[in-house]
Protein backbone atom coordinates (compact mmCIF):
# COMPACT_ATOMS: atom_id res chain seq x y z
CA MET A 1 206.04 216.73 4.37
CA LEU A 2 205.40 219.40 1.78
CA ALA A 3 207.47 219.65 -1.37
CA LYS A 4 209.49 222.80 -1.95
CA GLY A 5 207.20 225.57 -3.15
CA GLU A 6 204.01 223.72 -2.11
CA TRP A 7 201.52 225.61 0.05
CA ARG A 8 199.30 224.03 2.63
CA LEU A 9 195.91 225.70 2.53
CA GLU A 10 194.24 225.17 5.87
CA GLU A 11 191.66 227.49 7.38
CA PHE A 12 189.93 227.12 10.75
CA VAL A 13 186.12 226.99 10.33
CA GLY A 14 184.80 226.23 13.82
CA PHE A 15 184.33 223.54 16.44
CA CYS A 16 182.32 220.32 16.23
CA SER A 17 178.94 220.67 17.96
CA GLY A 18 179.28 217.10 19.24
CA CYS A 19 182.80 216.75 20.64
CA GLY A 20 184.35 220.22 20.34
CA LYS A 21 187.10 219.12 17.93
CA PRO A 22 188.41 221.98 15.73
CA ILE A 23 187.30 221.69 12.10
CA HIS A 24 189.22 223.16 9.17
CA CYS A 25 188.90 223.60 5.44
CA LEU A 26 191.80 221.77 3.79
CA HIS A 27 192.67 222.84 0.26
CA GLY A 28 189.13 224.19 -0.21
CA PHE A 29 187.28 221.15 1.18
CA LEU A 30 185.41 221.22 4.50
CA ASN A 31 186.81 218.56 6.84
CA GLY A 32 183.40 218.06 8.47
CA ILE A 33 179.66 218.31 7.81
CA VAL A 34 177.12 221.10 8.25
CA SER A 35 173.77 219.59 9.28
CA GLU A 36 170.81 220.70 7.19
CA GLU A 37 168.20 221.09 9.92
CA LYS A 38 170.00 223.48 12.27
CA GLU A 39 173.11 224.42 10.31
CA MET A 40 175.41 223.01 12.98
CA LEU A 41 178.98 221.91 12.30
CA TYR A 42 180.04 218.32 13.05
CA CYS A 43 183.18 216.24 12.55
CA PHE A 44 182.59 213.12 10.44
CA GLN A 45 182.57 210.76 13.45
CA CYS A 46 179.98 212.75 15.43
CA TYR A 47 177.76 213.22 12.39
CA GLU A 48 177.76 209.47 11.72
CA LYS A 49 176.79 208.81 15.36
CA LYS A 50 174.05 211.45 15.16
CA GLU A 51 172.61 210.01 11.95
CA ALA A 52 172.75 206.43 13.28
CA GLY A 53 170.79 207.53 16.36
CA GLN A 54 168.05 209.13 14.24
CA GLU A 55 167.53 206.01 12.12
CA ARG A 56 166.44 203.91 15.09
């Protein structure tokens, strides 16, 4: 719960390219990862799975 006078800064950025989950910026920090190679947006869980698959 927010304290009186406290603002919750949350802005929708897009959807995860892996699972379709909505991703937001929370208080100025991206709640996900933009991949370097194709500039695609991923949630943390999908990005970890993607990276683990590439290491094999």
